[in-house]
Amino acid sequence: PTAVALVYISWEVDNGQDIWRPLPQTEYFEDGTL
């Protein structure tokens, strides 16, 4: 009952290494956000 979920997304790859970011993560576009 006290467990917490931590979620990460593979955001990009640099020299073959995944760069992980914690959620939430936002992408910005001219017509809005994702």
Full PDB file with SEQRES, HELIX, SHEET, SSBOND, CRYST1, ORIGX, SCALE, CONECT and MASTER records, all heavy atoms in Angstrom:
SEQRES   1 A   34  PRO THR ALA VAL ALA LEU VAL TYR ILE SER TRP GLU VAL          
SEQRES   2 A   34  ASP ASN GLY GLN ASP ILE TRP ARG PRO LEU PRO GLN THR          
SEQRES   3 A   34  GLU TYR PHE GLU ASP GLY THR LEU                              
SHEET    1 AA1 2 TYR A   8  ASP A  14  0                                        
SHEET    2 AA1 2 GLN A  17  PRO A  22 -1                                        
SHEET    1 AA2 2 TYR A  28  PHE A  29  0                                        
SHEET    2 AA2 2 GLY A  32  THR A  33 -1                                        
CRYST1    1.000    1.000    1.000  90.00  90.00  90.00 P 1           1          
ORIGX1      1.000000  0.000000  0.000000        0.00000                         
ORIGX2      0.000000  1.000000  0.000000        0.00000                         
ORIGX3      0.000000  0.000000  1.000000        0.00000                         
SCALE1      1.000000  0.000000  0.000000        0.00000                         
SCALE2      0.000000  1.000000  0.000000        0.00000                         
SCALE3      0.000000  0.000000  1.000000        0.00000                         
ATOM      1  N   PRO A   1       0.799  -1.233   0.000  1.00  0.00           N  
ATOM      2  CA  PRO A   1       0.000   0.000   0.000  1.00  0.00           C  
ATOM      3  C   PRO A   1       0.827   1.276   0.000  1.00  0.00           C  
ATOM      4  O   PRO A   1       0.315   2.329  -0.340  1.00  0.00           O  
ATOM      5  CB  PRO A   1      -0.828  -0.116   1.282  1.00  0.00           C  
ATOM      6  CG  PRO A   1      -0.075  -1.050   2.155  1.00  0.00           C  
ATOM      7  CD  PRO A   1       0.645  -1.995   1.236  1.00  0.00           C  
ATOM      8  N   THR A   2       2.094   1.205   0.368  1.00  0.00           N  
ATOM      9  CA  THR A   2       2.918   2.420   0.391  1.00  0.00           C  
ATOM     10  C   THR A   2       3.895   2.487  -0.778  1.00  0.00           C  
ATOM     11  O   THR A   2       4.748   3.364  -0.806  1.00  0.00           O  
ATOM     12  CB  THR A   2       3.715   2.524   1.710  1.00  0.00           C  
ATOM     13  OG1 THR A   2       4.645   1.440   1.777  1.00  0.00           O  
ATOM     14  CG2 THR A   2       2.797   2.521   2.917  1.00  0.00           C  
ATOM     15  N   ALA A   3       3.762   1.597  -1.743  1.00  0.00           N  
ATOM     16  CA  ALA A   3       4.682   1.610  -2.886  1.00  0.00           C  
ATOM     17  C   ALA A   3       4.395   2.803  -3.793  1.00  0.00           C  
ATOM     18  O   ALA A   3       3.251   3.227  -3.953  1.00  0.00           O  
ATOM     19  CB  ALA A   3       4.571   0.315  -3.677  1.00  0.00           C  
ATOM     20  N   VAL A   4       5.457   3.322  -4.375  1.00  0.00           N  
ATOM     21  CA  VAL A   4       5.374   4.444  -5.306  1.00  0.00           C  
ATOM     22  C   VAL A   4       5.991   3.998  -6.619  1.00  0.00           C  
ATOM     23  O   VAL A   4       7.072   3.398  -6.637  1.00  0.00           O  
ATOM     24  CB  VAL A   4       6.154   5.661  -4.751  1.00  0.00           C  
ATOM     25  CG1 VAL A   4       6.180   6.791  -5.747  1.00  0.00           C  
ATOM     26  CG2 VAL A   4       5.554   6.122  -3.436  1.00  0.00           C  
ATOM     27  N   ALA A   5       5.319   4.300  -7.727  1.00  0.00           N  
ATOM     28  CA  ALA A   5       5.854   3.966  -9.049  1.00  0.00           C  
ATOM     29  C   ALA A   5       6.681   5.143  -9.559  1.00  0.00           C  
ATOM     30  O   ALA A   5       6.236   6.287  -9.531  1.00  0.00           O  
ATOM     31  CB  ALA A   5       4.724   3.655 -10.026  1.00  0.00           C  
ATOM     32  N   LEU A   6       7.887   4.843 -10.002  1.00  0.00           N  
ATOM     33  CA  LEU A   6       8.743   5.813 -10.679  1.00  0.00           C  
ATOM     34  C   LEU A   6       8.806   5.382 -12.131  1.00  0.00           C  
ATOM     35  O   LEU A   6       9.072   4.221 -12.420  1.00  0.00           O  
ATOM     36  CB  LEU A   6      10.144   5.802 -10.071  1.00  0.00           C  
ATOM     37  CG  LEU A   6      10.245   5.995  -8.562  1.00  0.00           C  
ATOM     38  CD1 LEU A   6      11.694   5.843  -8.106  1.00  0.00           C  
ATOM     39  CD2 LEU A   6       9.689   7.342  -8.144  1.00  0.00           C  
ATOM     40  N   VAL A   7       8.561   6.310 -13.051  1.00  0.00           N  
ATOM     41  CA  VAL A   7       8.532   5.972 -14.473  1.00  0.00           C  
ATOM     42  C   VAL A   7       9.494   6.887 -15.213  1.00  0.00           C  
ATOM     43  O   VAL A   7       9.505   8.105 -15.007  1.00  0.00           O  
ATOM     44  CB  VAL A   7       7.103   6.087 -15.052  1.00  0.00           C  
ATOM     45  CG1 VAL A   7       7.094   5.755 -16.527  1.00  0.00           C  
ATOM     46  CG2 VAL A   7       6.137   5.176 -14.294  1.00  0.00           C  
ATOM     47  N   TYR A   8      10.265   6.279 -16.105  1.00  0.00           N  
ATOM     48  CA  TYR A   8      11.259   6.986 -16.906  1.00  0.00           C  
ATOM     49  C   TYR A   8      11.030   6.665 -18.370  1.00  0.00           C  
ATOM     50  O   TYR A   8      10.608   5.563 -18.722  1.00  0.00           O  
ATOM     51  CB  TYR A   8      12.679   6.566 -16.503  1.00  0.00           C  
ATOM     52  CG  TYR A   8      12.969   6.839 -15.052  1.00  0.00           C  
ATOM     53  CD1 TYR A   8      12.594   5.935 -14.061  1.00  0.00           C  
ATOM     54  CD2 TYR A   8      13.582   8.024 -14.664  1.00  0.00           C  
ATOM     55  CE1 TYR A   8      12.824   6.200 -12.723  1.00  0.00           C  
ATOM     56  CE2 TYR A   8      13.824   8.297 -13.326  1.00  0.00           C  
ATOM     57  CZ  TYR A   8      13.445   7.380 -12.360  1.00  0.00           C  
ATOM     58  OH  TYR A   8      13.667   7.645 -11.037  1.00  0.00           O  
ATOM     59  N   ILE A   9      11.337   7.621 -19.237  1.00  0.00           N  
ATOM     60  CA  ILE A   9      11.214   7.434 -20.676  1.00  0.00           C  
ATOM     61  C   ILE A   9      12.602   7.540 -21.306  1.00  0.00           C  
ATOM     62  O   ILE A   9      13.422   8.366 -20.888  1.00  0.00           O  
ATOM     63  CB  ILE A   9      10.241   8.476 -21.298  1.00  0.00           C  
ATOM     64  CG1 ILE A   9      10.029   8.201 -22.789  1.00  0.00           C  
ATOM     65  CG2 ILE A   9      10.712   9.892 -21.051  1.00  0.00           C  
ATOM     66  CD1 ILE A   9       8.913   9.044 -23.417  1.00  0.00           C  
ATOM     67  N   SER A  10      12.853   6.695 -22.299  1.00  0.00           N  
ATOM     68  CA  SER A  10      14.096   6.811 -23.067  1.00  0.00           C  
ATOM     69  C   SER A  10      13.929   8.025 -23.973  1.00  0.00           C  
ATOM     70  O   SER A  10      13.209   7.985 -24.967  1.00  0.00           O  
ATOM     71  CB  SER A  10      14.331   5.536 -23.878  1.00  0.00           C  
ATOM     72  OG  SER A  10      15.494   5.679 -24.658  1.00  0.00           O  
ATOM     73  N   TRP A  11      14.590   9.109 -23.593  1.00  0.00           N  
ATOM     74  CA  TRP A  11      14.356  10.395 -24.251  1.00  0.00           C  
ATOM     75  C   TRP A  11      15.161  10.553 -25.538  1.00  0.00           C  
ATOM     76  O   TRP A  11      14.690  11.094 -26.520  1.00  0.00           O  
ATOM     77  CB  TRP A  11      14.683  11.512 -23.271  1.00  0.00           C  
ATOM     78  CG  TRP A  11      14.145  12.840 -23.687  1.00  0.00           C  
ATOM     79  CD1 TRP A  11      14.865  13.910 -24.123  1.00  0.00           C  
ATOM     80  CD2 TRP A  11      12.780  13.235 -23.703  1.00  0.00           C  
ATOM     81  NE1 TRP A  11      14.028  14.954 -24.406  1.00  0.00           N  
ATOM     82  CE2 TRP A  11      12.734  14.563 -24.158  1.00  0.00           C  
ATOM     83  CE3 TRP A  11      11.587  12.598 -23.383  1.00  0.00           C  
ATOM     84  CZ2 TRP A  11      11.537  15.265 -24.299  1.00  0.00           C  
ATOM     85  CZ3 TRP A  11      10.397  13.299 -23.517  1.00  0.00           C  
ATOM     86  CH2 TRP A  11      10.382  14.612 -23.968  1.00  0.00           C  
ATOM     87  N   GLU A  12      16.403  10.095 -25.500  1.00  0.00           N  
ATOM     88  CA  GLU A  12      17.260  10.154 -26.683  1.00  0.00           C  
ATOM     89  C   GLU A  12      18.405   9.172 -26.488  1.00  0.00           C  
ATOM     90  O   GLU A  12      18.574   8.605 -25.421  1.00  0.00           O  
ATOM     91  CB  GLU A  12      17.781  11.570 -26.917  1.00  0.00           C  
ATOM     92  CG  GLU A  12      18.647  12.111 -25.797  1.00  0.00           C  
ATOM     93  CD  GLU A  12      19.033  13.565 -26.004  1.00  0.00           C  
ATOM     94  OE1 GLU A  12      19.243  13.971 -27.162  1.00  0.00           O  
ATOM     95  OE2 GLU A  12      19.144  14.285 -25.007  1.00  0.00           O  
ATOM     96  N   VAL A  13      19.184   8.993 -27.548  1.00  0.00           N  
ATOM     97  CA  VAL A  13      20.348   8.115 -27.479  1.00  0.00           C  
ATOM     98  C   VAL A  13      21.570   8.950 -27.821  1.00  0.00           C  
ATOM     99  O   VAL A  13      21.584   9.669 -28.818  1.00  0.00           O  
ATOM    100  CB  VAL A  13      20.204   6.917 -28.451  1.00  0.00           C  
ATOM    101  CG1 VAL A  13      21.445   6.042 -28.406  1.00  0.00           C  
ATOM    102  CG2 VAL A  13      18.956   6.107 -28.112  1.00  0.00           C  
ATOM    103  N   ASP A  14      22.598   8.862 -26.959  1.00  0.00           N  
ATOM    104  CA  ASP A  14      23.826   9.607 -27.151  1.00  0.00           C  
ATOM    105  C   ASP A  14      24.989   8.617 -27.151  1.00  0.00           C  
ATOM    106  O   ASP A  14      25.244   7.975 -26.136  1.00  0.00           O  
ATOM    107  CB  ASP A  14      23.993  10.640 -26.027  1.00  0.00           C  
ATOM    108  CG  ASP A  14      25.218  11.517 -26.199  1.00  0.00           C  
ATOM    109  OD1 ASP A  14      25.692  11.679 -27.352  1.00  0.00           O  
ATOM    110  OD2 ASP A  14      25.720  12.032 -25.184  1.00  0.00           O  
ATOM    111  N   ASN A  15      25.671   8.494 -28.292  1.00  0.00           N  
ATOM    112  CA  ASN A  15      26.780   7.545 -28.434  1.00  0.00           C  
ATOM    113  C   ASN A  15      26.388   6.132 -28.017  1.00  0.00           C  
ATOM    114  O   ASN A  15      27.126   5.453 -27.300  1.00  0.00           O  
ATOM    115  CB  ASN A  15      28.005   8.000 -27.635  1.00  0.00           C  
ATOM    116  CG  ASN A  15      28.655   9.228 -28.225  1.00  0.00           C  
ATOM    117  OD1 ASN A  15      28.658   9.416 -29.440  1.00  0.00           O  
ATOM    118  ND2 ASN A  15      29.201  10.073 -27.380  1.00  0.00           N  
ATOM    119  N   GLY A  16      25.188   5.720 -28.406  1.00  0.00           N  
ATOM    120  CA  GLY A  16      24.718   4.372 -28.101  1.00  0.00           C  
ATOM    121  C   GLY A  16      24.154   4.189 -26.710  1.00  0.00           C  
ATOM    122  O   GLY A  16      23.734   3.091 -26.355  1.00  0.00           O  
ATOM    123  N   GLN A  17      24.144   5.242 -25.900  1.00  0.00           N  
ATOM    124  CA  GLN A  17      23.625   5.171 -24.531  1.00  0.00           C  
ATOM    125  C   GLN A  17      22.260   5.844 -24.453  1.00  0.00           C  
ATOM    126  O   GLN A  17      22.102   6.987 -24.899  1.00  0.00           O  
ATOM    127  CB  GLN A  17      24.582   5.868 -23.562  1.00  0.00           C  
ATOM    128  CG  GLN A  17      25.926   5.226 -23.433  1.00  0.00           C  
ATOM    129  CD  GLN A  17      25.847   3.902 -22.696  1.00  0.00           C  
ATOM    130  OE1 GLN A  17      25.052   3.720 -21.792  1.00  0.00           O  
ATOM    131  NE2 GLN A  17      26.671   2.961 -23.106  1.00  0.00           N  
ATOM    132  N   ASP A  18      21.277   5.141 -23.872  1.00  0.00           N  
ATOM    133  CA  ASP A  18      19.969   5.746 -23.655  1.00  0.00           C  
ATOM    134  C   ASP A  18      20.068   6.836 -22.602  1.00  0.00           C  
ATOM    135  O   ASP A  18      20.723   6.668 -21.575  1.00  0.00           O  
ATOM    136  CB  ASP A  18      18.949   4.706 -23.186  1.00  0.00           C  
ATOM    137  CG  ASP A  18      18.470   3.815 -24.318  1.00  0.00           C  
ATOM    138  OD1 ASP A  18      18.192   4.345 -25.406  1.00  0.00           O  
ATOM    139  OD2 ASP A  18      18.358   2.595 -24.102  1.00  0.00           O  
ATOM    140  N   ILE A  19      19.411   7.958 -22.868  1.00  0.00           N  
ATOM    141  CA  ILE A  19      19.268   9.038 -21.903  1.00  0.00           C  
ATOM    142  C   ILE A  19      17.852   8.908 -21.346  1.00  0.00           C  
ATOM    143  O   ILE A  19      16.872   9.030 -22.081  1.00  0.00           O  
ATOM    144  CB  ILE A  19      19.446  10.422 -22.560  1.00  0.00           C  
ATOM    145  CG1 ILE A  19      20.772  10.515 -23.315  1.00  0.00           C  
ATOM    146  CG2 ILE A  19      19.272  11.527 -21.531  1.00  0.00           C  
ATOM    147  CD1 ILE A  19      21.997  10.414 -22.452  1.00  0.00           C  
ATOM    148  N   TRP A  20      17.759   8.633 -20.050  1.00  0.00           N  
ATOM    149  CA  TRP A  20      16.472   8.413 -19.393  1.00  0.00           C  
ATOM    150  C   TRP A  20      16.043   9.664 -18.649  1.00  0.00           C  
ATOM    151  O   TRP A  20      16.845  10.289 -17.957  1.00  0.00           O  
ATOM    152  CB  TRP A  20      16.557   7.243 -18.421  1.00  0.00           C  
ATOM    153  CG  TRP A  20      16.843   5.953 -19.102  1.00  0.00           C  
ATOM    154  CD1 TRP A  20      18.068   5.373 -19.275  1.00  0.00           C  
ATOM    155  CD2 TRP A  20      15.906   5.091 -19.732  1.00  0.00           C  
ATOM    156  NE1 TRP A  20      17.941   4.198 -19.959  1.00  0.00           N  
ATOM    157  CE2 TRP A  20      16.617   3.991 -20.258  1.00  0.00           C  
ATOM    158  CE3 TRP A  20      14.535   5.126 -19.898  1.00  0.00           C  
ATOM    159  CZ2 TRP A  20      15.998   2.962 -20.933  1.00  0.00           C  
ATOM    160  CZ3 TRP A  20      13.908   4.094 -20.577  1.00  0.00           C  
ATOM    161  CH2 TRP A  20      14.633   3.025 -21.083  1.00  0.00           C  
ATOM    162  N   ARG A  21      14.752  10.009 -18.797  1.00  0.00           N  
ATOM    163  CA  ARG A  21      14.197  11.147 -18.070  1.00  0.00           C  
ATOM    164  C   ARG A  21      12.968  10.687 -17.284  1.00  0.00           C  
ATOM    165  O   ARG A  21      12.198   9.862 -17.769  1.00  0.00           O  
ATOM    166  CB  ARG A  21      13.772  12.254 -19.032  1.00  0.00           C  
ATOM    167  CG  ARG A  21      14.922  12.982 -19.681  1.00  0.00           C  
ATOM    168  CD  ARG A  21      14.396  14.186 -20.413  1.00  0.00           C  
ATOM    169  NE  ARG A  21      15.458  14.969 -21.001  1.00  0.00           N  
ATOM    170  CZ  ARG A  21      15.247  16.054 -21.729  1.00  0.00           C  
ATOM    171  NH1 ARG A  21      14.008  16.479 -21.939  1.00  0.00           N  
ATOM    172  NH2 ARG A  21      16.254  16.717 -22.234  1.00  0.00           N  
ATOM    173  N   PRO A  22      12.763  11.265 -16.106  1.00  0.00           N  
ATOM    174  CA  PRO A  22      11.578  10.903 -15.331  1.00  0.00           C  
ATOM    175  C   PRO A  22      10.319  11.536 -15.922  1.00  0.00           C  
ATOM    176  O   PRO A  22      10.381  12.634 -16.490  1.00  0.00           O  
ATOM    177  CB  PRO A  22      11.873  11.474 -13.943  1.00  0.00           C  
ATOM    178  CG  PRO A  22      12.782  12.627 -14.205  1.00  0.00           C  
ATOM    179  CD  PRO A  22      13.608  12.230 -15.409  1.00  0.00           C  
ATOM    180  N   LEU A  23       9.207  10.850 -15.798  1.00  0.00           N  
ATOM    181  CA  LEU A  23       7.936  11.433 -16.228  1.00  0.00           C  
ATOM    182  C   LEU A  23       7.370  12.285 -15.095  1.00  0.00           C  
ATOM    183  O   LEU A  23       7.610  11.984 -13.921  1.00  0.00           O  
ATOM    184  CB  LEU A  23       6.937  10.337 -16.584  1.00  0.00           C  
ATOM    185  CG  LEU A  23       7.251   9.499 -17.816  1.00  0.00           C  
ATOM    186  CD1 LEU A  23       6.048   8.635 -18.170  1.00  0.00           C  
ATOM    187  CD2 LEU A  23       7.667  10.319 -19.013  1.00  0.00           C  
ATOM    188  N   PRO A  24       6.623  13.338 -15.464  1.00  0.00           N  
ATOM    189  CA  PRO A  24       6.220  13.728 -16.811  1.00  0.00           C  
ATOM    190  C   PRO A  24       7.337  14.474 -17.548  1.00  0.00           C  
ATOM    191  O   PRO A  24       8.183  15.105 -16.933  1.00  0.00           O  
ATOM    192  CB  PRO A  24       5.040  14.650 -16.566  1.00  0.00           C  
ATOM    193  CG  PRO A  24       5.231  15.192 -15.191  1.00  0.00           C  
ATOM    194  CD  PRO A  24       5.974  14.138 -14.427  1.00  0.00           C  
ATOM    195  N   GLN A  25       7.290  14.375 -18.880  1.00  0.00           N  
ATOM    196  CA  GLN A  25       8.216  15.104 -19.756  1.00  0.00           C  
ATOM    197  C   GLN A  25       7.394  15.808 -20.830  1.00  0.00           C  
ATOM    198  O   GLN A  25       6.433  15.255 -21.356  1.00  0.00           O  
ATOM    199  CB  GLN A  25       9.212  14.159 -20.431  1.00  0.00           C  
ATOM    200  CG  GLN A  25      10.339  13.726 -19.532  1.00  0.00           C  
ATOM    201  CD  GLN A  25      11.235  14.873 -19.098  1.00  0.00           C  
ATOM    202  OE1 GLN A  25      11.599  15.741 -19.882  1.00  0.00           O  
ATOM    203  NE2 GLN A  25      11.591  14.860 -17.823  1.00  0.00           N  
ATOM    204  N   THR A  26       7.784  17.024 -21.162  1.00  0.00           N  
ATOM    205  CA  THR A  26       7.030  17.850 -22.095  1.00  0.00           C  
ATOM    206  C   THR A  26       7.846  18.161 -23.342  1.00  0.00           C  
ATOM    207  O   THR A  26       9.030  18.489 -23.246  1.00  0.00           O  
ATOM    208  CB  THR A  26       6.619  19.182 -21.421  1.00  0.00           C  
ATOM    209  OG1 THR A  26       5.892  18.895 -20.232  1.00  0.00           O  
ATOM    210  CG2 THR A  26       5.768  20.034 -22.345  1.00  0.00           C  
ATOM    211  N   GLU A  27       7.199  18.048 -24.488  1.00  0.00           N  
ATOM    212  CA  GLU A  27       7.748  18.492 -25.781  1.00  0.00           C  
ATOM    213  C   GLU A  27       6.963  19.734 -26.191  1.00  0.00           C  
ATOM    214  O   GLU A  27       5.727  19.760 -26.071  1.00  0.00           O  
ATOM    215  CB  GLU A  27       7.555  17.416 -26.860  1.00  0.00           C  
ATOM    216  CG  GLU A  27       8.534  16.292 -26.811  1.00  0.00           C  
ATOM    217  CD  GLU A  27       9.862  16.627 -27.498  1.00  0.00           C  
ATOM    218  OE1 GLU A  27      10.000  17.702 -28.103  1.00  0.00           O  
ATOM    219  OE2 GLU A  27      10.755  15.786 -27.418  1.00  0.00           O  
ATOM    220  N   TYR A  28       7.656  20.749 -26.684  1.00  0.00           N  
ATOM    221  CA  TYR A  28       7.008  21.995 -27.083  1.00  0.00           C  
ATOM    222  C   TYR A  28       7.011  22.103 -28.605  1.00  0.00           C  
ATOM    223  O   TYR A  28       8.045  21.912 -29.244  1.00  0.00           O  
ATOM    224  CB  TYR A  28       7.729  23.192 -26.462  1.00  0.00           C  
ATOM    225  CG  TYR A  28       7.671  23.174 -24.957  1.00  0.00           C  
ATOM    226  CD1 TYR A  28       8.692  22.588 -24.210  1.00  0.00           C  
ATOM    227  CD2 TYR A  28       6.588  23.725 -24.291  1.00  0.00           C  
ATOM    228  CE1 TYR A  28       8.636  22.556 -22.833  1.00  0.00           C  
ATOM    229  CE2 TYR A  28       6.523  23.697 -22.894  1.00  0.00           C  
ATOM    230  CZ  TYR A  28       7.543  23.105 -22.181  1.00  0.00           C  
ATOM    231  OH  TYR A  28       7.484  23.060 -20.818  1.00  0.00           O  
ATOM    232  N   PHE A  29       5.840  22.422 -29.152  1.00  0.00           N  
ATOM    233  CA  PHE A  29       5.672  22.617 -30.588  1.00  0.00           C  
ATOM    234  C   PHE A  29       5.064  24.001 -30.812  1.00  0.00           C  
ATOM    235  O   PHE A  29       4.540  24.614 -29.870  1.00  0.00           O  
ATOM    236  CB  PHE A  29       4.725  21.553 -31.169  1.00  0.00           C  
ATOM    237  CG  PHE A  29       5.215  20.143 -30.994  1.00  0.00           C  
ATOM    238  CD1 PHE A  29       4.833  19.389 -29.885  1.00  0.00           C  
ATOM    239  CD2 PHE A  29       6.050  19.551 -31.933  1.00  0.00           C  
ATOM    240  CE1 PHE A  29       5.276  18.095 -29.719  1.00  0.00           C  
ATOM    241  CE2 PHE A  29       6.490  18.256 -31.774  1.00  0.00           C  
ATOM    242  CZ  PHE A  29       6.107  17.518 -30.669  1.00  0.00           C  
ATOM    243  N   GLU A  30       5.100  24.467 -32.054  1.00  0.00           N  
ATOM    244  CA  GLU A  30       4.507  25.769 -32.361  1.00  0.00           C  
ATOM    245  C   GLU A  30       3.020  25.798 -32.062  1.00  0.00           C  
ATOM    246  O   GLU A  30       2.478  26.826 -31.659  1.00  0.00           O  
ATOM    247  CB  GLU A  30       4.757  26.131 -33.830  1.00  0.00           C  
ATOM    248  CG  GLU A  30       6.183  26.516 -34.122  1.00  0.00           C  
ATOM    249  CD  GLU A  30       6.390  26.924 -35.569  1.00  0.00           C  
ATOM    250  OE1 GLU A  30       5.389  27.221 -36.266  1.00  0.00           O  
ATOM    251  OE2 GLU A  30       7.548  26.954 -35.990  1.00  0.00           O  
ATOM    252  N   ASP A  31       2.351  24.659 -32.261  1.00  0.00           N  
ATOM    253  CA  ASP A  31       0.894  24.628 -32.077  1.00  0.00           C  
ATOM    254  C   ASP A  31       0.461  23.956 -30.771  1.00  0.00           C  
ATOM    255  O   ASP A  31      -0.695  23.578 -30.619  1.00  0.00           O  
ATOM    256  CB  ASP A  31       0.211  23.977 -33.273  1.00  0.00           C  
ATOM    257  CG  ASP A  31       0.762  22.603 -33.604  1.00  0.00           C  
ATOM    258  OD1 ASP A  31       1.857  22.272 -33.136  1.00  0.00           O  
ATOM    259  OD2 ASP A  31       0.088  21.854 -34.333  1.00  0.00           O  
ATOM    260  N   GLY A  32       1.377  23.794 -29.822  1.00  0.00           N  
ATOM    261  CA  GLY A  32       0.960  23.245 -28.532  1.00  0.00           C  
ATOM    262  C   GLY A  32       2.044  22.427 -27.859  1.00  0.00           C  
ATOM    263  O   GLY A  32       3.204  22.421 -28.269  1.00  0.00           O  
ATOM    264  N   THR A  33       1.641  21.707 -26.840  1.00  0.00           N  
ATOM    265  CA  THR A  33       2.568  20.888 -26.067  1.00  0.00           C  
ATOM    266  C   THR A  33       2.124  19.429 -26.077  1.00  0.00           C  
ATOM    267  O   THR A  33       0.942  19.118 -26.200  1.00  0.00           O  
ATOM    268  CB  THR A  33       2.631  21.352 -24.600  1.00  0.00           C  
ATOM    269  OG1 THR A  33       1.326  21.275 -24.022  1.00  0.00           O  
ATOM    270  CG2 THR A  33       3.181  22.750 -24.484  1.00  0.00           C  
ATOM    271  N   LEU A  34       3.097  18.570 -25.939  1.00  0.00           N  
ATOM    272  CA  LEU A  34       2.871  17.136 -25.777  1.00  0.00           C  
ATOM    273  C   LEU A  34       3.523  16.737 -24.466  1.00  0.00           C  
ATOM    274  O   LEU A  34       4.697  17.036 -24.239  1.00  0.00           O  
ATOM    275  CB  LEU A  34       3.514  16.351 -26.930  1.00  0.00           C  
ATOM    276  CG  LEU A  34       3.648  14.842 -26.723  1.00  0.00           C  
ATOM    277  CD1 LEU A  34       2.285  14.173 -26.638  1.00  0.00           C  
ATOM    278  CD2 LEU A  34       4.478  14.234 -27.840  1.00  0.00           C  
TER     279      LEU A  34                                                      
MASTER        0    0    0    0    4    0    0    6  278    1    0    3          
END                                                                             
